[in-house]
Amino acid sequence: MGVHVGRPPRFSEDAILDAALDVLTDGGLDGMTIAAIAARLGAPTGSIYHRFPSKAVLLGRLWLRTVLRFQAGFLEAIGHPDVDEAARGVVGHLIEWSRTSPGEARLVAEHWNRPPGENWPEEMTARMSTVNERVDQAIDDYCRRRYGHATPENRYVVRFALQHLPYAAIHVFLLEGLPQPAHLRRVATETSLHALSLA
C-alpha cells in the first residue's frame, strides 16, 4: 500500500504576508480585506483562510514577522564590540531598512508597540508581550559596555539616541513616500553619537 503524500501548498505564508503588506501599504487598514489580499496574490480566498483564520491573525503575524526582521539587524549591529561602531551600525540599519523595505518600516513606525487592529487570539497576545525582550536585554548590555552599568537614565539615553532620534530623522520621508536625502545617514549618526555622550 503506497503512502499518500499531500501536495505542497501553492501559496506560502510569506507570500500571503507579502501580499497583505502591499495591500496595507496601498489602501490602509480599511482597504486590507481578505478578498483584496487574495486578489493581489492571485489566490482564492480559501487559500488565505486556510492559513489565517481571521484578518486579525493575519495582521498580527505580519506585524510579528516585520518586527522580528527589523530586530535581527538591530541586534546584530548593537552587538558590535566597539560601542561607537555599534551605534553607527544601528542607525545605519534603521535608515537602510526604511529605504529598502518602506512598507515594513511604515508598519513598525506607525505601530511600534502593537499591531494595527484588535481582537488578537490569546496565544498571539502573549507572544506580542515578549517580542521586545531581546532588544531590552541588548540595550542593557550596551549600557553596561558604554557606561559601566545600566541605569534608568542610561537606558533612556540609549533608546533616545538609537531608536527615537533615527526614527525622527526618517519619519517624514517614510510616511510621505519621499526619497531620503544623501546626507541623512551622516546627520542622523552624528546626532545619535552626540546624544550618547550626554549620559
N, C-alpha and C. Protein backbone atom coordinates (compact mmCIF):
# COMPACT_ATOMS: atom_id res chain seq x y z
N MET A 1 0.86 -1.19 0.00
CA MET A 1 0.00 0.00 0.00
C MET A 1 0.89 1.24 0.00
N GLY A 2 0.71 2.11 -0.98
CA GLY A 2 1.54 3.29 -1.10
C GLY A 2 1.20 4.34 -0.05
N VAL A 3 2.17 5.19 0.18
CA VAL A 3 1.98 6.29 1.13
C VAL A 3 1.52 7.52 0.36
N HIS A 4 0.41 8.08 0.78
CA HIS A 4 -0.12 9.27 0.11
C HIS A 4 0.61 10.51 0.61
N VAL A 5 1.16 11.26 -0.30
CA VAL A 5 1.84 12.49 0.03
C VAL A 5 1.03 13.67 -0.49
N GLY A 6 0.59 14.52 0.41
CA GLY A 6 -0.22 15.66 0.01
C GLY A 6 0.59 16.65 -0.81
N ARG A 7 -0.09 17.37 -1.65
CA ARG A 7 0.59 18.38 -2.45
C ARG A 7 1.01 19.55 -1.57
N PRO A 8 2.20 20.12 -1.82
CA PRO A 8 2.61 21.29 -1.04
C PRO A 8 1.68 22.46 -1.32
N PRO A 9 1.46 23.31 -0.34
CA PRO A 9 0.57 24.44 -0.56
C PRO A 9 1.11 25.34 -1.66
N ARG A 10 0.20 25.85 -2.49
CA ARG A 10 0.60 26.67 -3.62
C ARG A 10 1.09 28.04 -3.16
N PHE A 11 0.49 28.56 -2.10
CA PHE A 11 0.83 29.90 -1.62
C PHE A 11 1.40 29.79 -0.21
N SER A 12 2.65 30.19 -0.06
CA SER A 12 3.30 30.09 1.24
C SER A 12 2.79 31.19 2.17
N GLU A 13 3.07 31.00 3.47
CA GLU A 13 2.68 32.03 4.43
C GLU A 13 3.37 33.35 4.13
N ASP A 14 4.64 33.30 3.78
CA ASP A 14 5.36 34.54 3.47
C ASP A 14 4.78 35.23 2.24
N ALA A 15 4.37 34.46 1.24
CA ALA A 15 3.77 35.07 0.04
C ALA A 15 2.47 35.78 0.39
N ILE A 16 1.68 35.16 1.25
CA ILE A 16 0.42 35.79 1.67
C ILE A 16 0.71 37.05 2.47
N LEU A 17 1.68 36.99 3.38
CA LEU A 17 2.01 38.17 4.18
C LEU A 17 2.59 39.28 3.31
N ASP A 18 3.37 38.92 2.30
CA ASP A 18 3.89 39.94 1.38
C ASP A 18 2.75 40.65 0.65
N ALA A 19 1.77 39.87 0.19
CA ALA A 19 0.61 40.47 -0.49
C ALA A 19 -0.18 41.34 0.48
N ALA A 20 -0.33 40.88 1.72
CA ALA A 20 -1.06 41.67 2.72
C ALA A 20 -0.35 42.99 2.98
N LEU A 21 0.97 42.96 3.05
CA LEU A 21 1.73 44.19 3.27
C LEU A 21 1.53 45.16 2.12
N ASP A 22 1.53 44.66 0.89
CA ASP A 22 1.30 45.53 -0.28
C ASP A 22 -0.09 46.18 -0.21
N VAL A 23 -1.09 45.39 0.13
CA VAL A 23 -2.46 45.92 0.23
C VAL A 23 -2.55 46.94 1.34
N LEU A 24 -1.95 46.64 2.48
CA LEU A 24 -1.98 47.56 3.61
C LEU A 24 -1.28 48.87 3.27
N THR A 25 -0.14 48.79 2.59
CA THR A 25 0.61 49.98 2.20
C THR A 25 -0.18 50.84 1.22
N ASP A 26 -0.87 50.19 0.28
CA ASP A 26 -1.61 50.93 -0.75
C ASP A 26 -2.93 51.49 -0.24
N GLY A 27 -3.67 50.70 0.54
CA GLY A 27 -5.03 51.09 0.88
C GLY A 27 -5.32 51.30 2.35
N GLY A 28 -4.32 51.13 3.21
CA GLY A 28 -4.56 51.30 4.63
C GLY A 28 -5.31 50.14 5.23
N LEU A 29 -5.58 50.26 6.52
CA LEU A 29 -6.20 49.16 7.26
C LEU A 29 -7.61 48.85 6.75
N ASP A 30 -8.38 49.90 6.41
CA ASP A 30 -9.75 49.67 5.94
C ASP A 30 -9.78 48.92 4.62
N GLY A 31 -8.77 49.17 3.77
CA GLY A 31 -8.74 48.51 2.47
C GLY A 31 -8.12 47.13 2.50
N MET A 32 -7.58 46.76 3.65
CA MET A 32 -6.93 45.46 3.76
C MET A 32 -7.96 44.40 4.13
N THR A 33 -8.54 43.78 3.14
CA THR A 33 -9.51 42.71 3.34
C THR A 33 -8.91 41.40 2.82
N ILE A 34 -9.47 40.30 3.25
CA ILE A 34 -9.01 39.00 2.76
C ILE A 34 -9.21 38.92 1.25
N ALA A 35 -10.32 39.47 0.76
CA ALA A 35 -10.57 39.45 -0.68
C ALA A 35 -9.52 40.25 -1.44
N ALA A 36 -9.13 41.40 -0.89
CA ALA A 36 -8.13 42.23 -1.55
C ALA A 36 -6.77 41.54 -1.56
N ILE A 37 -6.44 40.87 -0.45
CA ILE A 37 -5.18 40.14 -0.39
C ILE A 37 -5.17 38.99 -1.38
N ALA A 38 -6.28 38.27 -1.45
CA ALA A 38 -6.38 37.16 -2.39
C ALA A 38 -6.24 37.65 -3.83
N ALA A 39 -6.87 38.79 -4.14
CA ALA A 39 -6.78 39.34 -5.49
C ALA A 39 -5.34 39.75 -5.82
N ARG A 40 -4.64 40.35 -4.85
CA ARG A 40 -3.26 40.76 -5.08
C ARG A 40 -2.37 39.54 -5.31
N LEU A 41 -2.66 38.48 -4.60
CA LEU A 41 -1.85 37.27 -4.69
C LEU A 41 -2.25 36.40 -5.89
N GLY A 42 -3.48 36.59 -6.39
CA GLY A 42 -3.99 35.71 -7.44
C GLY A 42 -4.38 34.36 -6.89
N ALA A 43 -4.96 34.39 -5.69
CA ALA A 43 -5.32 33.15 -4.99
C ALA A 43 -6.79 33.19 -4.60
N PRO A 44 -7.40 32.03 -4.43
CA PRO A 44 -8.77 32.02 -3.88
C PRO A 44 -8.73 32.43 -2.40
N THR A 45 -9.81 33.03 -1.95
CA THR A 45 -9.84 33.46 -0.54
C THR A 45 -9.67 32.27 0.41
N GLY A 46 -10.09 31.08 -0.04
CA GLY A 46 -9.94 29.90 0.81
C GLY A 46 -8.50 29.59 1.13
N SER A 47 -7.58 29.93 0.21
CA SER A 47 -6.16 29.71 0.47
C SER A 47 -5.67 30.60 1.60
N ILE A 48 -6.24 31.81 1.70
CA ILE A 48 -5.86 32.72 2.77
C ILE A 48 -6.40 32.20 4.10
N TYR A 49 -7.70 31.87 4.10
CA TYR A 49 -8.33 31.42 5.35
C TYR A 49 -7.75 30.09 5.83
N HIS A 50 -7.20 29.30 4.91
CA HIS A 50 -6.59 28.02 5.31
C HIS A 50 -5.41 28.25 6.26
N ARG A 51 -4.68 29.34 6.06
CA ARG A 51 -3.51 29.65 6.88
C ARG A 51 -3.81 30.68 7.97
N PHE A 52 -4.76 31.57 7.70
CA PHE A 52 -5.07 32.65 8.64
C PHE A 52 -6.57 32.68 8.86
N PRO A 53 -7.04 32.23 10.03
CA PRO A 53 -8.49 32.13 10.24
C PRO A 53 -9.21 33.47 10.29
N SER A 54 -8.47 34.56 10.45
CA SER A 54 -9.12 35.87 10.50
C SER A 54 -8.13 36.94 10.06
N LYS A 55 -8.66 38.11 9.75
CA LYS A 55 -7.82 39.25 9.40
C LYS A 55 -6.94 39.64 10.58
N ALA A 56 -7.47 39.54 11.79
CA ALA A 56 -6.70 39.90 12.97
C ALA A 56 -5.47 39.01 13.12
N VAL A 57 -5.63 37.73 12.90
CA VAL A 57 -4.49 36.81 12.99
C VAL A 57 -3.47 37.14 11.91
N LEU A 58 -3.94 37.40 10.70
CA LEU A 58 -3.03 37.75 9.61
C LEU A 58 -2.24 39.02 9.93
N LEU A 59 -2.92 40.03 10.42
CA LEU A 59 -2.25 41.28 10.78
C LEU A 59 -1.23 41.05 11.89
N GLY A 60 -1.61 40.27 12.87
CA GLY A 60 -0.69 40.00 13.97
C GLY A 60 0.57 39.30 13.50
N ARG A 61 0.42 38.31 12.63
CA ARG A 61 1.60 37.60 12.13
C ARG A 61 2.44 38.48 11.22
N LEU A 62 1.79 39.33 10.45
CA LEU A 62 2.54 40.26 9.61
C LEU A 62 3.36 41.21 10.47
N TRP A 63 2.74 41.73 11.53
CA TRP A 63 3.45 42.65 12.43
C TRP A 63 4.61 41.95 13.12
N LEU A 64 4.37 40.73 13.61
CA LEU A 64 5.43 39.99 14.28
C LEU A 64 6.59 39.70 13.34
N ARG A 65 6.27 39.26 12.12
CA ARG A 65 7.34 38.98 11.16
C ARG A 65 8.15 40.24 10.87
N THR A 66 7.46 41.35 10.72
CA THR A 66 8.13 42.62 10.41
C THR A 66 9.04 43.05 11.55
N VAL A 67 8.52 43.01 12.76
CA VAL A 67 9.31 43.42 13.93
C VAL A 67 10.53 42.52 14.10
N LEU A 68 10.36 41.22 13.94
CA LEU A 68 11.47 40.30 14.11
C LEU A 68 12.53 40.48 13.02
N ARG A 69 12.10 40.78 11.80
CA ARG A 69 13.05 41.06 10.73
C ARG A 69 13.88 42.31 11.05
N PHE A 70 13.21 43.35 11.53
CA PHE A 70 13.94 44.55 11.88
C PHE A 70 14.88 44.29 13.05
N GLN A 71 14.38 43.59 14.05
CA GLN A 71 15.19 43.35 15.24
C GLN A 71 16.44 42.55 14.94
N ALA A 72 16.40 41.65 13.95
CA ALA A 72 17.57 40.85 13.63
C ALA A 72 18.75 41.74 13.26
N GLY A 73 18.51 42.74 12.42
CA GLY A 73 19.58 43.67 12.05
C GLY A 73 19.99 44.57 13.20
N PHE A 74 19.02 45.00 14.00
CA PHE A 74 19.30 45.84 15.16
C PHE A 74 20.21 45.10 16.15
N LEU A 75 19.86 43.85 16.45
CA LEU A 75 20.62 43.08 17.42
C LEU A 75 22.03 42.80 16.92
N GLU A 76 22.16 42.51 15.64
CA GLU A 76 23.50 42.28 15.09
C GLU A 76 24.35 43.54 15.20
N ALA A 77 23.76 44.69 14.87
CA ALA A 77 24.52 45.94 14.89
C ALA A 77 24.91 46.36 16.30
N ILE A 78 23.98 46.30 17.24
CA ILE A 78 24.25 46.80 18.59
C ILE A 78 25.22 45.89 19.34
N GLY A 79 25.41 44.67 18.84
CA GLY A 79 26.34 43.76 19.48
C GLY A 79 27.79 43.96 19.09
N HIS A 80 28.08 44.91 18.20
CA HIS A 80 29.47 45.16 17.81
C HIS A 80 30.28 45.51 19.06
N PRO A 81 31.48 44.95 19.20
CA PRO A 81 32.26 45.20 20.43
C PRO A 81 32.67 46.65 20.64
N ASP A 82 32.82 47.42 19.58
CA ASP A 82 33.13 48.85 19.71
C ASP A 82 31.81 49.61 19.83
N VAL A 83 31.62 50.34 20.93
CA VAL A 83 30.31 50.93 21.20
C VAL A 83 29.95 52.02 20.18
N ASP A 84 30.93 52.78 19.69
CA ASP A 84 30.61 53.78 18.68
C ASP A 84 30.24 53.13 17.35
N GLU A 85 30.98 52.07 16.99
CA GLU A 85 30.64 51.35 15.76
C GLU A 85 29.28 50.69 15.89
N ALA A 86 28.96 50.21 17.08
CA ALA A 86 27.64 49.63 17.31
C ALA A 86 26.55 50.67 17.07
N ALA A 87 26.76 51.88 17.59
CA ALA A 87 25.77 52.95 17.39
C ALA A 87 25.64 53.30 15.91
N ARG A 88 26.78 53.42 15.22
CA ARG A 88 26.74 53.71 13.78
C ARG A 88 25.98 52.62 13.03
N GLY A 89 26.22 51.39 13.44
CA GLY A 89 25.55 50.28 12.78
C GLY A 89 24.05 50.27 12.99
N VAL A 90 23.62 50.58 14.20
CA VAL A 90 22.19 50.62 14.50
C VAL A 90 21.50 51.70 13.68
N VAL A 91 22.06 52.90 13.68
CA VAL A 91 21.46 53.99 12.92
C VAL A 91 21.46 53.66 11.43
N GLY A 92 22.58 53.13 10.94
CA GLY A 92 22.66 52.77 9.53
C GLY A 92 21.66 51.70 9.16
N HIS A 93 21.47 50.72 10.03
CA HIS A 93 20.50 49.65 9.76
C HIS A 93 19.09 50.22 9.66
N LEU A 94 18.72 51.08 10.59
CA LEU A 94 17.36 51.63 10.57
C LEU A 94 17.11 52.44 9.30
N ILE A 95 18.09 53.25 8.92
CA ILE A 95 17.92 54.11 7.74
C ILE A 95 17.90 53.26 6.46
N GLU A 96 18.81 52.29 6.37
CA GLU A 96 18.86 51.46 5.16
C GLU A 96 17.62 50.58 5.06
N TRP A 97 17.19 50.03 6.18
CA TRP A 97 16.00 49.18 6.18
C TRP A 97 14.77 49.98 5.77
N SER A 98 14.65 51.21 6.25
CA SER A 98 13.50 52.04 5.88
C SER A 98 13.53 52.42 4.41
N ARG A 99 14.73 52.47 3.82
CA ARG A 99 14.86 52.80 2.40
C ARG A 99 14.53 51.61 1.52
N THR A 100 14.97 50.42 1.92
CA THR A 100 14.79 49.24 1.08
C THR A 100 13.50 48.48 1.38
N SER A 101 12.94 48.68 2.56
CA SER A 101 11.69 47.99 2.95
C SER A 101 10.70 49.02 3.49
N PRO A 102 10.28 49.98 2.66
CA PRO A 102 9.46 51.08 3.19
C PRO A 102 8.11 50.64 3.74
N GLY A 103 7.51 49.61 3.15
CA GLY A 103 6.22 49.15 3.66
C GLY A 103 6.35 48.58 5.06
N GLU A 104 7.35 47.75 5.27
CA GLU A 104 7.58 47.19 6.60
C GLU A 104 7.98 48.28 7.59
N ALA A 105 8.82 49.21 7.15
CA ALA A 105 9.25 50.29 8.04
C ALA A 105 8.08 51.16 8.46
N ARG A 106 7.16 51.43 7.54
CA ARG A 106 5.98 52.22 7.90
C ARG A 106 5.12 51.48 8.91
N LEU A 107 4.98 50.18 8.74
CA LEU A 107 4.18 49.39 9.66
C LEU A 107 4.74 49.48 11.08
N VAL A 108 6.06 49.37 11.20
CA VAL A 108 6.68 49.46 12.53
C VAL A 108 6.60 50.88 13.07
N ALA A 109 6.84 51.87 12.21
CA ALA A 109 6.82 53.26 12.67
C ALA A 109 5.43 53.66 13.18
N GLU A 110 4.40 53.20 12.51
CA GLU A 110 3.04 53.58 12.88
C GLU A 110 2.48 52.72 14.02
N HIS A 111 3.06 51.55 14.21
CA HIS A 111 2.52 50.62 15.22
C HIS A 111 3.70 49.97 15.94
N TRP A 112 4.47 50.80 16.67
CA TRP A 112 5.72 50.34 17.26
C TRP A 112 5.50 49.26 18.32
N ASN A 113 4.55 49.46 19.20
CA ASN A 113 4.39 48.54 20.33
C ASN A 113 3.29 47.50 20.13
N ARG A 114 2.43 47.71 19.15
CA ARG A 114 1.31 46.79 18.98
C ARG A 114 0.82 46.89 17.54
N PRO A 115 0.46 45.76 16.94
CA PRO A 115 0.00 45.79 15.55
C PRO A 115 -1.34 46.50 15.41
N PRO A 116 -1.68 46.92 14.20
CA PRO A 116 -2.97 47.58 13.99
C PRO A 116 -4.12 46.60 14.20
N GLY A 117 -5.29 47.14 14.51
CA GLY A 117 -6.47 46.30 14.67
C GLY A 117 -6.66 45.87 16.10
N GLU A 118 -7.48 44.83 16.27
CA GLU A 118 -7.82 44.36 17.61
C GLU A 118 -8.28 42.91 17.54
N ASN A 119 -8.75 42.40 18.68
CA ASN A 119 -9.28 41.04 18.78
C ASN A 119 -8.23 39.98 18.48
N TRP A 120 -7.06 40.11 19.15
CA TRP A 120 -5.99 39.14 18.93
C TRP A 120 -6.26 37.87 19.72
N PRO A 121 -5.95 36.71 19.15
CA PRO A 121 -6.05 35.47 19.92
C PRO A 121 -5.12 35.53 21.13
N GLU A 122 -5.47 34.80 22.19
CA GLU A 122 -4.72 34.88 23.44
C GLU A 122 -3.26 34.49 23.25
N GLU A 123 -3.00 33.43 22.46
CA GLU A 123 -1.62 32.99 22.30
C GLU A 123 -0.78 34.02 21.54
N MET A 124 -1.42 34.78 20.64
CA MET A 124 -0.69 35.81 19.91
C MET A 124 -0.42 37.02 20.81
N THR A 125 -1.37 37.36 21.65
CA THR A 125 -1.16 38.46 22.59
C THR A 125 0.01 38.17 23.51
N ALA A 126 0.13 36.92 23.95
CA ALA A 126 1.24 36.54 24.82
C ALA A 126 2.57 36.70 24.09
N ARG A 127 2.64 36.31 22.83
CA ARG A 127 3.89 36.43 22.10
C ARG A 127 4.23 37.90 21.85
N MET A 128 3.22 38.71 21.56
CA MET A 128 3.47 40.13 21.34
C MET A 128 4.06 40.79 22.58
N SER A 129 3.65 40.32 23.76
CA SER A 129 4.10 40.95 25.00
C SER A 129 5.57 40.67 25.28
N THR A 130 6.14 39.67 24.62
CA THR A 130 7.54 39.31 24.88
C THR A 130 8.46 39.60 23.70
N VAL A 131 7.93 40.17 22.62
CA VAL A 131 8.71 40.29 21.39
C VAL A 131 9.91 41.22 21.54
N ASN A 132 9.84 42.17 22.48
CA ASN A 132 10.93 43.13 22.64
C ASN A 132 11.95 42.74 23.71
N GLU A 133 11.81 41.55 24.29
CA GLU A 133 12.69 41.18 25.40
C GLU A 133 14.16 41.15 24.99
N ARG A 134 14.47 40.59 23.80
CA ARG A 134 15.88 40.51 23.38
C ARG A 134 16.45 41.90 23.12
N VAL A 135 15.61 42.80 22.60
CA VAL A 135 16.07 44.17 22.39
C VAL A 135 16.34 44.85 23.73
N ASP A 136 15.45 44.65 24.69
CA ASP A 136 15.66 45.23 26.02
C ASP A 136 16.97 44.73 26.63
N GLN A 137 17.23 43.44 26.49
CA GLN A 137 18.45 42.86 27.04
C GLN A 137 19.69 43.42 26.32
N ALA A 138 19.58 43.59 25.00
CA ALA A 138 20.71 44.12 24.23
C ALA A 138 21.00 45.57 24.61
N ILE A 139 19.96 46.34 24.88
CA ILE A 139 20.16 47.73 25.29
C ILE A 139 20.81 47.79 26.67
N ASP A 140 20.39 46.92 27.58
CA ASP A 140 21.04 46.87 28.89
C ASP A 140 22.52 46.51 28.75
N ASP A 141 22.81 45.54 27.89
CA ASP A 141 24.20 45.15 27.68
C ASP A 141 25.01 46.30 27.08
N TYR A 142 24.40 47.03 26.14
CA TYR A 142 25.09 48.17 25.53
C TYR A 142 25.36 49.24 26.60
N CYS A 143 24.40 49.49 27.47
CA CYS A 143 24.60 50.47 28.55
C CYS A 143 25.78 50.07 29.42
N ARG A 144 25.87 48.80 29.77
CA ARG A 144 26.96 48.35 30.62
C ARG A 144 28.30 48.49 29.91
N ARG A 145 28.33 48.20 28.60
CA ARG A 145 29.59 48.30 27.86
C ARG A 145 30.00 49.75 27.67
N ARG A 146 29.04 50.62 27.50
CA ARG A 146 29.37 52.03 27.23
C ARG A 146 29.58 52.82 28.51
N TYR A 147 28.71 52.60 29.49
CA TYR A 147 28.73 53.44 30.69
C TYR A 147 29.17 52.72 31.96
N GLY A 148 29.32 51.41 31.87
CA GLY A 148 29.73 50.65 33.05
C GLY A 148 28.58 50.03 33.80
N HIS A 149 27.38 50.52 33.61
CA HIS A 149 26.20 49.98 34.28
C HIS A 149 24.95 50.44 33.53
N ALA A 150 23.86 49.75 33.76
CA ALA A 150 22.58 50.08 33.11
C ALA A 150 21.66 50.70 34.16
N THR A 151 21.44 51.99 34.05
CA THR A 151 20.52 52.71 34.94
C THR A 151 19.33 53.19 34.12
N PRO A 152 18.24 53.57 34.78
CA PRO A 152 17.10 54.12 34.02
C PRO A 152 17.51 55.29 33.13
N GLU A 153 18.40 56.16 33.63
CA GLU A 153 18.82 57.30 32.81
C GLU A 153 19.62 56.84 31.59
N ASN A 154 20.54 55.89 31.79
CA ASN A 154 21.32 55.39 30.66
C ASN A 154 20.45 54.71 29.62
N ARG A 155 19.49 53.92 30.11
CA ARG A 155 18.58 53.25 29.18
C ARG A 155 17.80 54.28 28.36
N TYR A 156 17.35 55.33 29.03
CA TYR A 156 16.62 56.37 28.32
C TYR A 156 17.48 57.01 27.24
N VAL A 157 18.72 57.34 27.58
CA VAL A 157 19.62 57.99 26.62
C VAL A 157 19.87 57.07 25.43
N VAL A 158 20.11 55.79 25.68
CA VAL A 158 20.39 54.86 24.59
C VAL A 158 19.16 54.70 23.70
N ARG A 159 17.99 54.54 24.29
CA ARG A 159 16.78 54.43 23.47
C ARG A 159 16.53 55.72 22.68
N PHE A 160 16.75 56.85 23.32
CA PHE A 160 16.56 58.14 22.63
C PHE A 160 17.53 58.25 21.46
N ALA A 161 18.79 57.89 21.70
CA ALA A 161 19.82 58.06 20.68
C ALA A 161 19.71 57.05 19.55
N LEU A 162 19.38 55.81 19.88
CA LEU A 162 19.44 54.74 18.88
C LEU A 162 18.08 54.31 18.35
N GLN A 163 17.00 54.80 18.93
CA GLN A 163 15.67 54.48 18.41
C GLN A 163 14.90 55.74 18.03
N HIS A 164 14.69 56.62 19.00
CA HIS A 164 13.82 57.78 18.74
C HIS A 164 14.43 58.78 17.76
N LEU A 165 15.70 59.11 17.93
CA LEU A 165 16.32 60.08 17.03
C LEU A 165 16.37 59.58 15.58
N PRO A 166 16.84 58.35 15.32
CA PRO A 166 16.85 57.90 13.93
C PRO A 166 15.45 57.82 13.31
N TYR A 167 14.46 57.39 14.11
CA TYR A 167 13.10 57.35 13.58
C TYR A 167 12.61 58.77 13.26
N ALA A 168 12.95 59.73 14.10
CA ALA A 168 12.56 61.11 13.80
C ALA A 168 13.21 61.58 12.51
N ALA A 169 14.44 61.13 12.25
CA ALA A 169 15.15 61.54 11.04
C ALA A 169 14.48 61.02 9.77
N ILE A 170 13.92 59.82 9.83
CA ILE A 170 13.34 59.23 8.62
C ILE A 170 11.83 59.42 8.52
N HIS A 171 11.21 59.87 9.60
CA HIS A 171 9.74 59.83 9.70
C HIS A 171 9.05 60.51 8.52
N VAL A 172 9.39 61.74 8.24
CA VAL A 172 8.67 62.48 7.20
C VAL A 172 8.90 61.85 5.83
N PHE A 173 10.11 61.38 5.57
CA PHE A 173 10.40 60.77 4.27
C PHE A 173 9.67 59.44 4.13
N LEU A 174 9.60 58.70 5.23
CA LEU A 174 8.96 57.39 5.21
C LEU A 174 7.46 57.49 5.02
N LEU A 175 6.81 58.31 5.83
CA LEU A 175 5.35 58.36 5.81
C LEU A 175 4.81 59.11 4.60
N GLU A 176 5.60 60.01 4.01
CA GLU A 176 5.15 60.73 2.82
C GLU A 176 5.71 60.14 1.53
N GLY A 177 6.46 59.06 1.65
CA GLY A 177 6.99 58.39 0.47
C GLY A 177 8.03 59.19 -0.29
N LEU A 178 8.78 60.02 0.43
CA LEU A 178 9.80 60.86 -0.21
C LEU A 178 11.15 60.17 -0.16
N PRO A 179 12.02 60.43 -1.16
CA PRO A 179 13.35 59.83 -1.12
C PRO A 179 14.19 60.41 0.00
N GLN A 180 15.03 59.60 0.58
CA GLN A 180 15.91 60.06 1.64
C GLN A 180 17.03 60.92 1.04
N PRO A 181 17.34 62.05 1.67
CA PRO A 181 18.47 62.85 1.18
C PRO A 181 19.79 62.13 1.42
N ALA A 182 20.78 62.43 0.61
CA ALA A 182 22.06 61.72 0.67
C ALA A 182 22.76 61.89 2.01
N HIS A 183 22.54 63.02 2.66
CA HIS A 183 23.24 63.31 3.92
C HIS A 183 22.51 62.78 5.15
N LEU A 184 21.39 62.12 4.98
CA LEU A 184 20.55 61.72 6.12
C LEU A 184 21.31 60.80 7.08
N ARG A 185 21.98 59.81 6.55
CA ARG A 185 22.67 58.85 7.44
C ARG A 185 23.76 59.54 8.25
N ARG A 186 24.53 60.42 7.60
CA ARG A 186 25.62 61.10 8.31
C ARG A 186 25.07 61.97 9.42
N VAL A 187 24.05 62.77 9.11
CA VAL A 187 23.50 63.68 10.11
C VAL A 187 22.86 62.90 11.26
N ALA A 188 22.11 61.86 10.93
CA ALA A 188 21.46 61.07 11.98
C ALA A 188 22.49 60.38 12.87
N THR A 189 23.55 59.85 12.26
CA THR A 189 24.58 59.16 13.03
C THR A 189 25.30 60.12 13.97
N GLU A 190 25.70 61.27 13.46
CA GLU A 190 26.41 62.24 14.29
C GLU A 190 25.53 62.74 15.43
N THR A 191 24.24 62.94 15.15
CA THR A 191 23.31 63.39 16.19
C THR A 191 23.16 62.32 17.28
N SER A 192 23.05 61.07 16.86
CA SER A 192 22.90 59.99 17.82
C SER A 192 24.15 59.81 18.67
N LEU A 193 25.31 59.90 18.08
CA LEU A 193 26.56 59.78 18.84
C LEU A 193 26.70 60.91 19.85
N HIS A 194 26.28 62.11 19.45
CA HIS A 194 26.33 63.22 20.39
C HIS A 194 25.38 62.98 21.56
N ALA A 195 24.19 62.48 21.27
CA ALA A 195 23.23 62.20 22.35
C ALA A 195 23.78 61.16 23.31
N LEU A 196 24.47 60.16 22.78
CA LEU A 196 25.04 59.12 23.65
C LEU A 196 26.10 59.68 24.59
N SER A 197 26.75 60.76 24.19
CA SER A 197 27.80 61.36 25.03
C SER A 197 27.23 62.15 26.20
N LEU A 198 25.92 62.33 26.23
CA LEU A 198 25.31 63.18 27.26
C LEU A 198 24.99 62.41 28.53
N ALA A 199 25.06 61.11 28.49
CA ALA A 199 24.73 60.32 29.70
C ALA A 199 25.87 60.37 30.71
